[in-house]
Amino acid sequence: MRHLAIIIDGNGRWAVSRGLERLSGHAEGARAVARAIEAADEMRLECISFYAFSTENFKRGPQETLGIFAILAGFLEETLLPLVKERNLRLRFIGDLERLTPELLTSISRVNVAGLNNRGMTVVIAVGYGGRDEIAKAFNLLMEQKLLNSDFSHITFDDIARYLYTANLPDPDVVWRFGGHRRLSNFLPLQTVYSELFFTQKLWPDFQKEDLYKLCAEYKTIKRNFGDIPK
């Protein structure tokens, strides 16, 4: 496996089931992200992606949204920044980052700078991300470039892919969704057409490293044909 994409789900339900505030679940979910990064690095993955906050999540009340952003900023500064330095990690944040808070943007900038010259595993964090929004932005950027160059040739998928947030990264081999739902929820729609899909009832804060080790072992038993006839 080169690239594992994780859909984080169940933080709020995890907290409510324990009589806690929903934001407590998001804080525990951030600690689970750190465990997943460590496990993925130990398994020598090239890339691990986390669907942390979608464009649709902005519909939540401002109190929870701002609380999530504050937790994420703290996680980046206190947990991810040391991991970037210790494990030689590279970072990529994808989504409509202009909608984030100044505090969170400052933290994103700081960890990005710390990993700028690193050559280890790439950690992708999707925040303010929507797959349809990504496609529309990529297409608009491509059209601007083609018009600028007076290029009226047919558009190919590779043309569009160069303007996606994930350009130059391998497509996810596996999409792993926590929380019991069996859908992709607008996550990397163009990049996951051949991804293996795994769903678990486990809520994200309950993730442990052993879960990822077991997933990697199961993935090794799968023969991927990419539309070809099995041999």
C-alpha atoms as a PDB file:
ATOM      1  CA  MET A   1       0.000   0.000   0.000  1.00  0.00           C
ATOM      2  CA  ARG A   2       1.298   3.414  -0.965  1.00  0.00           C
ATOM      3  CA  HIS A   3      -1.535   5.751   0.023  1.00  0.00           C
ATOM      4  CA  LEU A   4      -4.165   5.285   2.729  1.00  0.00           C
ATOM      5  CA  ALA A   5      -7.053   7.773   2.893  1.00  0.00           C
ATOM      6  CA  ILE A   6      -9.061   7.904   6.112  1.00  0.00           C
ATOM      7  CA  ILE A   7     -12.510   9.411   6.551  1.00  0.00           C
ATOM      8  CA  ILE A   8     -12.681  10.553  10.163  1.00  0.00           C
ATOM      9  CA  ASP A   9     -16.168  10.079  11.595  1.00  0.00           C
ATOM     10  CA  GLY A  10     -17.760   9.553  14.972  1.00  0.00           C
ATOM     11  CA  ASN A  11     -15.932  12.064  17.156  1.00  0.00           C
ATOM     12  CA  GLY A  12     -19.113  13.747  18.349  1.00  0.00           C
ATOM     13  CA  ARG A  13     -20.977  10.480  18.896  1.00  0.00           C
ATOM     14  CA  TRP A  14     -18.006   9.115  20.846  1.00  0.00           C
ATOM     15  CA  ALA A  15     -18.195  12.067  23.231  1.00  0.00           C
ATOM     16  CA  VAL A  16     -21.984  12.086  23.602  1.00  0.00           C
ATOM     17  CA  SER A  17     -22.020   8.347  24.405  1.00  0.00           C
ATOM     18  CA  ARG A  18     -19.704   9.132  27.338  1.00  0.00           C
ATOM     19  CA  GLY A  19     -21.677  12.112  28.568  1.00  0.00           C
ATOM     20  CA  LEU A  20     -19.049  14.562  27.307  1.00  0.00           C
ATOM     21  CA  GLU A  21     -19.240  17.696  25.178  1.00  0.00           C
ATOM     22  CA  ARG A  22     -18.878  17.021  21.452  1.00  0.00           C
ATOM     23  CA  LEU A  23     -15.631  18.986  21.292  1.00  0.00           C
ATOM     24  CA  SER A  24     -14.083  16.489  23.708  1.00  0.00           C
ATOM     25  CA  GLY A  25     -14.585  13.879  21.005  1.00  0.00           C
ATOM     26  CA  HIS A  26     -12.794  16.026  18.450  1.00  0.00           C
ATOM     27  CA  ALA A  27      -9.862  16.453  20.842  1.00  0.00           C
ATOM     28  CA  GLU A  28      -9.667  12.694  21.304  1.00  0.00           C
ATOM     29  CA  GLY A  29      -9.958  12.282  17.536  1.00  0.00           C
ATOM     30  CA  ALA A  30      -6.881  14.487  17.104  1.00  0.00           C
ATOM     31  CA  ARG A  31      -4.924  12.112  19.330  1.00  0.00           C
ATOM     32  CA  ALA A  32      -6.105   9.234  17.137  1.00  0.00           C
ATOM     33  CA  VAL A  33      -4.716  11.062  14.082  1.00  0.00           C
ATOM     34  CA  ALA A  34      -1.298  11.128  15.742  1.00  0.00           C
ATOM     35  CA  ARG A  35      -1.478   7.369  16.382  1.00  0.00           C
ATOM     36  CA  ALA A  36      -2.439   6.750  12.756  1.00  0.00           C
ATOM     37  CA  ILE A  37       0.451   8.863  11.453  1.00  0.00           C
ATOM     38  CA  GLU A  38       2.921   6.968  13.622  1.00  0.00           C
ATOM     39  CA  ALA A  39       1.544   3.587  12.535  1.00  0.00           C
ATOM     40  CA  ALA A  40       1.508   4.529   8.839  1.00  0.00           C
ATOM     41  CA  ASP A  41       5.093   5.732   9.061  1.00  0.00           C
ATOM     42  CA  GLU A  42       6.104   2.492  10.775  1.00  0.00           C
ATOM     43  CA  MET A  43       4.436   0.562   7.916  1.00  0.00           C
ATOM     44  CA  ARG A  44       6.415   2.702   5.440  1.00  0.00           C
ATOM     45  CA  LEU A  45       3.435   4.150   3.598  1.00  0.00           C
ATOM     46  CA  GLU A  46       4.225   6.930   1.147  1.00  0.00           C
ATOM     47  CA  CYS A  47       1.149   8.939   2.016  1.00  0.00           C
ATOM     48  CA  ILE A  48      -1.693   9.062   4.526  1.00  0.00           C
ATOM     49  CA  SER A  49      -4.676  11.390   4.111  1.00  0.00           C
ATOM     50  CA  PHE A  50      -7.282  12.477   6.648  1.00  0.00           C
ATOM     51  CA  TYR A  51     -10.712  13.886   5.818  1.00  0.00           C
ATOM     52  CA  ALA A  52     -10.898  16.165   8.842  1.00  0.00           C
ATOM     53  CA  PHE A  53     -13.502  18.807   7.930  1.00  0.00           C
ATOM     54  CA  SER A  54     -15.655  19.039   4.820  1.00  0.00           C
ATOM     55  CA  THR A  55     -17.240  22.001   3.063  1.00  0.00           C
ATOM     56  CA  GLU A  56     -20.575  20.627   4.285  1.00  0.00           C
ATOM     57  CA  ASN A  57     -19.325  20.732   7.891  1.00  0.00           C
ATOM     58  CA  PHE A  58     -19.450  24.524   7.737  1.00  0.00           C
ATOM     59  CA  LYS A  59     -23.218  24.092   8.162  1.00  0.00           C
ATOM     60  CA  ARG A  60     -22.587  23.212  11.794  1.00  0.00           C
ATOM     61  CA  GLY A  61     -22.995  25.969  14.339  1.00  0.00           C
ATOM     62  CA  PRO A  62     -20.178  28.492  14.709  1.00  0.00           C
ATOM     63  CA  GLN A  63     -19.437  27.321  18.253  1.00  0.00           C
ATOM     64  CA  GLU A  64     -18.581  23.773  17.157  1.00  0.00           C
ATOM     65  CA  THR A  65     -16.828  24.885  13.953  1.00  0.00           C
ATOM     66  CA  LEU A  66     -14.596  27.378  15.763  1.00  0.00           C
ATOM     67  CA  GLY A  67     -13.996  24.832  18.508  1.00  0.00           C
ATOM     68  CA  ILE A  68     -12.855  22.242  15.970  1.00  0.00           C
ATOM     69  CA  PHE A  69     -10.521  24.756  14.338  1.00  0.00           C
ATOM     70  CA  ALA A  70      -9.030  25.667  17.733  1.00  0.00           C
ATOM     71  CA  ILE A  71      -8.461  21.985  18.516  1.00  0.00           C
ATOM     72  CA  LEU A  72      -6.876  21.444  15.108  1.00  0.00           C
ATOM     73  CA  ALA A  73      -4.568  24.442  15.574  1.00  0.00           C
ATOM     74  CA  GLY A  74      -3.477  23.096  18.948  1.00  0.00           C
ATOM     75  CA  PHE A  75      -2.916  19.644  17.478  1.00  0.00           C
ATOM     76  CA  LEU A  76      -0.745  21.053  14.695  1.00  0.00           C
ATOM     77  CA  GLU A  77       1.410  23.053  17.106  1.00  0.00           C
ATOM     78  CA  GLU A  78       1.690  20.628  20.010  1.00  0.00           C
ATOM     79  CA  THR A  79       1.551  17.197  18.352  1.00  0.00           C
ATOM     80  CA  LEU A  80       2.073  17.303  14.602  1.00  0.00           C
ATOM     81  CA  LEU A  81       4.976  19.770  14.592  1.00  0.00           C
ATOM     82  CA  PRO A  82       7.170  17.486  16.747  1.00  0.00           C
ATOM     83  CA  LEU A  83       6.190  14.496  14.568  1.00  0.00           C
ATOM     84  CA  VAL A  84       7.160  16.403  11.417  1.00  0.00           C
ATOM     85  CA  LYS A  85      10.614  16.975  12.855  1.00  0.00           C
ATOM     86  CA  GLU A  86      11.081  13.523  14.400  1.00  0.00           C
ATOM     87  CA  ARG A  87       9.794  11.494  11.451  1.00  0.00           C
ATOM     88  CA  ASN A  88      10.863  13.695   8.527  1.00  0.00           C
ATOM     89  CA  LEU A  89       7.239  14.147   7.439  1.00  0.00           C
ATOM     90  CA  ARG A  90       5.960  16.244   4.572  1.00  0.00           C
ATOM     91  CA  LEU A  91       2.643  18.068   4.839  1.00  0.00           C
ATOM     92  CA  ARG A  92      -0.081  19.027   2.428  1.00  0.00           C
ATOM     93  CA  PHE A  93      -3.273  20.802   3.484  1.00  0.00           C
ATOM     94  CA  ILE A  94      -6.090  20.644   0.956  1.00  0.00           C
ATOM     95  CA  GLY A  95      -9.420  22.434   0.776  1.00  0.00           C
ATOM     96  CA  ASP A  96     -10.774  25.966   0.784  1.00  0.00           C
ATOM     97  CA  LEU A  97      -8.218  27.238   3.280  1.00  0.00           C
ATOM     98  CA  GLU A  98      -9.399  30.842   2.900  1.00  0.00           C
ATOM     99  CA  ARG A  99     -12.420  29.948   5.033  1.00  0.00           C
ATOM    100  CA  LEU A 100     -10.295  28.942   8.017  1.00  0.00           C
ATOM    101  CA  THR A 101      -9.505  31.090  11.041  1.00  0.00           C
ATOM    102  CA  PRO A 102      -6.311  33.202  11.175  1.00  0.00           C
ATOM    103  CA  GLU A 103      -5.123  31.140  14.151  1.00  0.00           C
ATOM    104  CA  LEU A 104      -5.469  27.896  12.223  1.00  0.00           C
ATOM    105  CA  LEU A 105      -3.849  29.344   9.108  1.00  0.00           C
ATOM    106  CA  THR A 106      -0.861  30.450  11.202  1.00  0.00           C
ATOM    107  CA  SER A 107      -0.471  26.927  12.590  1.00  0.00           C
ATOM    108  CA  ILE A 108      -0.771  25.432   9.109  1.00  0.00           C
ATOM    109  CA  SER A 109       1.933  27.762   7.838  1.00  0.00           C
ATOM    110  CA  ARG A 110       4.235  26.854  10.719  1.00  0.00           C
ATOM    111  CA  VAL A 111       4.046  23.082  10.220  1.00  0.00           C
ATOM    112  CA  ASN A 112       4.295  23.473   6.432  1.00  0.00           C
ATOM    113  CA  VAL A 113       7.539  25.405   6.816  1.00  0.00           C
ATOM    114  CA  ALA A 114       8.885  22.796   9.240  1.00  0.00           C
ATOM    115  CA  GLY A 115       8.356  20.019   6.689  1.00  0.00           C
ATOM    116  CA  LEU A 116       9.383  21.966   3.609  1.00  0.00           C
ATOM    117  CA  ASN A 117      12.661  20.119   2.986  1.00  0.00           C
ATOM    118  CA  ASN A 118      11.617  16.764   4.436  1.00  0.00           C
ATOM    119  CA  ARG A 119      11.574  13.618   2.327  1.00  0.00           C
ATOM    120  CA  GLY A 120       9.560  11.200   4.434  1.00  0.00           C
ATOM    121  CA  MET A 121       5.909  10.189   4.350  1.00  0.00           C
ATOM    122  CA  THR A 122       3.414  12.792   3.139  1.00  0.00           C
ATOM    123  CA  VAL A 123       0.551  13.630   5.499  1.00  0.00           C
ATOM    124  CA  VAL A 124      -2.465  15.165   3.755  1.00  0.00           C
ATOM    125  CA  ILE A 125      -5.067  16.925   5.890  1.00  0.00           C
ATOM    126  CA  ALA A 126      -8.311  17.840   4.140  1.00  0.00           C
ATOM    127  CA  VAL A 127      -9.958  20.751   5.948  1.00  0.00           C
ATOM    128  CA  GLY A 128     -12.694  22.829   4.373  1.00  0.00           C
ATOM    129  CA  TYR A 129     -12.520  20.237   1.587  1.00  0.00           C
ATOM    130  CA  GLY A 130     -15.179  19.181  -0.897  1.00  0.00           C
ATOM    131  CA  GLY A 131     -14.538  16.935  -3.875  1.00  0.00           C
ATOM    132  CA  ARG A 132     -16.917  18.715  -6.240  1.00  0.00           C
ATOM    133  CA  ASP A 133     -15.432  22.046  -5.202  1.00  0.00           C
ATOM    134  CA  GLU A 134     -11.940  20.700  -5.926  1.00  0.00           C
ATOM    135  CA  ILE A 135     -12.967  19.566  -9.419  1.00  0.00           C
ATOM    136  CA  ALA A 136     -14.580  22.927 -10.231  1.00  0.00           C
ATOM    137  CA  LYS A 137     -11.505  24.843  -9.073  1.00  0.00           C
ATOM    138  CA  ALA A 138      -9.159  22.549 -10.999  1.00  0.00           C
ATOM    139  CA  PHE A 139     -11.203  22.947 -14.177  1.00  0.00           C
ATOM    140  CA  ASN A 140     -11.296  26.736 -13.832  1.00  0.00           C
ATOM    141  CA  LEU A 141      -7.529  26.915 -13.295  1.00  0.00           C
ATOM    142  CA  LEU A 142      -6.977  24.679 -16.307  1.00  0.00           C
ATOM    143  CA  MET A 143      -9.261  26.795 -18.507  1.00  0.00           C
ATOM    144  CA  GLU A 144      -7.508  30.001 -17.421  1.00  0.00           C
ATOM    145  CA  GLN A 145      -4.176  28.495 -18.414  1.00  0.00           C
ATOM    146  CA  LYS A 146      -5.465  27.214 -21.749  1.00  0.00           C
ATOM    147  CA  LEU A 147      -6.982  30.593 -22.630  1.00  0.00           C
ATOM    148  CA  LEU A 148      -3.782  32.353 -21.605  1.00  0.00           C
ATOM    149  CA  ASN A 149      -1.823  30.115 -23.973  1.00  0.00           C
ATOM    150  CA  SER A 150      -4.491  30.159 -26.722  1.00  0.00           C
ATOM    151  CA  ASP A 151      -4.629  26.382 -26.333  1.00  0.00           C
ATOM    152  CA  PHE A 152      -7.901  25.002 -27.712  1.00  0.00           C
ATOM    153  CA  SER A 153      -6.979  21.310 -27.723  1.00  0.00           C
ATOM    154  CA  HIS A 154      -9.212  18.687 -26.101  1.00  0.00           C
ATOM    155  CA  ILE A 155      -9.027  18.445 -22.324  1.00  0.00           C
ATOM    156  CA  THR A 156      -7.859  15.113 -20.899  1.00  0.00           C
ATOM    157  CA  PHE A 157      -8.128  13.753 -17.381  1.00  0.00           C
ATOM    158  CA  ASP A 158      -4.375  14.176 -16.967  1.00  0.00           C
ATOM    159  CA  ASP A 159      -4.817  17.872 -17.758  1.00  0.00           C
ATOM    160  CA  ILE A 160      -7.337  18.211 -14.936  1.00  0.00           C
ATOM    161  CA  ALA A 161      -5.305  16.047 -12.536  1.00  0.00           C
ATOM    162  CA  ARG A 162      -2.416  18.491 -12.708  1.00  0.00           C
ATOM    163  CA  TYR A 163      -4.626  21.095 -11.030  1.00  0.00           C
ATOM    164  CA  LEU A 164      -6.095  18.902  -8.300  1.00  0.00           C
ATOM    165  CA  TYR A 165      -5.008  19.434  -4.699  1.00  0.00           C
ATOM    166  CA  THR A 166      -3.386  15.991  -4.789  1.00  0.00           C
ATOM    167  CA  ALA A 167      -1.267  16.575  -7.904  1.00  0.00           C
ATOM    168  CA  ASN A 168       1.908  14.463  -7.884  1.00  0.00           C
ATOM    169  CA  LEU A 169       0.618  12.196  -5.114  1.00  0.00           C
ATOM    170  CA  PRO A 170      -0.391   8.565  -5.730  1.00  0.00           C
ATOM    171  CA  ASP A 171      -4.119   7.886  -5.767  1.00  0.00           C
ATOM    172  CA  PRO A 172      -5.394   6.236  -2.577  1.00  0.00           C
ATOM    173  CA  ASP A 173      -5.069   2.470  -2.601  1.00  0.00           C
ATOM    174  CA  VAL A 174      -7.540   2.261   0.275  1.00  0.00           C
ATOM    175  CA  VAL A 175     -10.282   4.509   1.607  1.00  0.00           C
ATOM    176  CA  TRP A 176     -11.045   3.601   5.206  1.00  0.00           C
ATOM    177  CA  ARG A 177     -14.155   5.088   6.774  1.00  0.00           C
ATOM    178  CA  PHE A 178     -14.866   5.029  10.472  1.00  0.00           C
ATOM    179  CA  GLY A 179     -18.174   5.595  12.239  1.00  0.00           C
ATOM    180  CA  GLY A 180     -20.447   3.045  10.559  1.00  0.00           C
ATOM    181  CA  HIS A 181     -21.565   4.931   7.440  1.00  0.00           C
ATOM    182  CA  ARG A 182     -20.895   3.401   4.028  1.00  0.00           C
ATOM    183  CA  ARG A 183     -20.320   6.382   1.767  1.00  0.00           C
ATOM    184  CA  LEU A 184     -17.441   8.594   0.616  1.00  0.00           C
ATOM    185  CA  SER A 185     -19.133  11.908   1.426  1.00  0.00           C
ATOM    186  CA  ASN A 186     -17.543  13.962  -1.360  1.00  0.00           C
ATOM    187  CA  PHE A 187     -13.991  12.845  -0.490  1.00  0.00           C
ATOM    188  CA  LEU A 188     -11.487  12.652  -3.369  1.00  0.00           C
ATOM    189  CA  PRO A 189     -14.073  11.527  -5.970  1.00  0.00           C
ATOM    190  CA  LEU A 190     -11.680  11.564  -8.941  1.00  0.00           C
ATOM    191  CA  GLN A 191      -8.779  10.023  -7.057  1.00  0.00           C
ATOM    192  CA  THR A 192     -10.653   7.057  -5.548  1.00  0.00           C
ATOM    193  CA  VAL A 193     -12.161   5.407  -8.629  1.00  0.00           C
ATOM    194  CA  TYR A 194     -10.019   2.282  -8.118  1.00  0.00           C
ATOM    195  CA  SER A 195      -9.549   2.493  -4.360  1.00  0.00           C
ATOM    196  CA  GLU A 196     -10.441  -0.454  -2.155  1.00  0.00           C
ATOM    197  CA  LEU A 197     -13.161   0.600   0.294  1.00  0.00           C
ATOM    198  CA  PHE A 198     -13.123  -0.465   3.930  1.00  0.00           C
ATOM    199  CA  PHE A 199     -15.839   0.500   6.418  1.00  0.00           C
ATOM    200  CA  THR A 200     -15.845  -0.004  10.165  1.00  0.00           C
ATOM    201  CA  GLN A 201     -18.394   0.586  12.908  1.00  0.00           C
ATOM    202  CA  LYS A 202     -15.591   1.783  15.178  1.00  0.00           C
ATOM    203  CA  LEU A 203     -15.735   5.472  16.035  1.00  0.00           C
ATOM    204  CA  TRP A 204     -12.595   7.367  15.097  1.00  0.00           C
ATOM    205  CA  PRO A 205     -11.385   8.224  18.637  1.00  0.00           C
ATOM    206  CA  ASP A 206     -11.251   4.473  19.356  1.00  0.00           C
ATOM    207  CA  PHE A 207      -8.664   3.900  16.600  1.00  0.00           C
ATOM    208  CA  GLN A 208      -5.512   2.082  17.705  1.00  0.00           C
ATOM    209  CA  LYS A 209      -2.315   1.342  15.795  1.00  0.00           C
ATOM    210  CA  GLU A 210      -3.196  -2.359  15.682  1.00  0.00           C
ATOM    211  CA  ASP A 211      -6.222  -1.492  13.529  1.00  0.00           C
ATOM    212  CA  LEU A 212      -3.928  -0.136  10.825  1.00  0.00           C
ATOM    213  CA  TYR A 213      -1.565  -3.099  11.050  1.00  0.00           C
ATOM    214  CA  LYS A 214      -4.537  -5.450  10.494  1.00  0.00           C
ATOM    215  CA  LEU A 215      -5.795  -3.350   7.576  1.00  0.00           C
ATOM    216  CA  CYS A 216      -2.397  -3.521   5.868  1.00  0.00           C
ATOM    217  CA  ALA A 217      -2.317  -7.295   6.333  1.00  0.00           C
ATOM    218  CA  GLU A 218      -5.794  -7.655   4.800  1.00  0.00           C
ATOM    219  CA  TYR A 219      -4.890  -5.355   1.916  1.00  0.00           C
ATOM    220  CA  LYS A 220      -1.978  -7.615   1.014  1.00  0.00           C
ATOM    221  CA  THR A 221      -4.475 -10.421   0.276  1.00  0.00           C
ATOM    222  CA  ILE A 222      -6.336  -8.339  -2.337  1.00  0.00           C
ATOM    223  CA  LYS A 223      -5.460  -8.653  -6.011  1.00  0.00           C
ATOM    224  CA  ARG A 224      -6.202  -5.384  -7.787  1.00  0.00           C
ATOM    225  CA  ASN A 225      -7.001  -5.684 -11.502  1.00  0.00           C
ATOM    226  CA  PHE A 226      -7.840  -2.048 -12.399  1.00  0.00           C
ATOM    227  CA  GLY A 227     -10.469  -3.239 -14.882  1.00  0.00           C
ATOM    228  CA  ASP A 228      -8.299  -5.962 -16.419  1.00  0.00           C
ATOM    229  CA  ILE A 229      -9.171  -9.678 -16.486  1.00  0.00           C
ATOM    230  CA  PRO A 230      -7.916 -11.455 -13.331  1.00  0.00           C
ATOM    231  CA  LYS A 231      -4.906 -13.666 -14.015  1.00  0.00           C
END
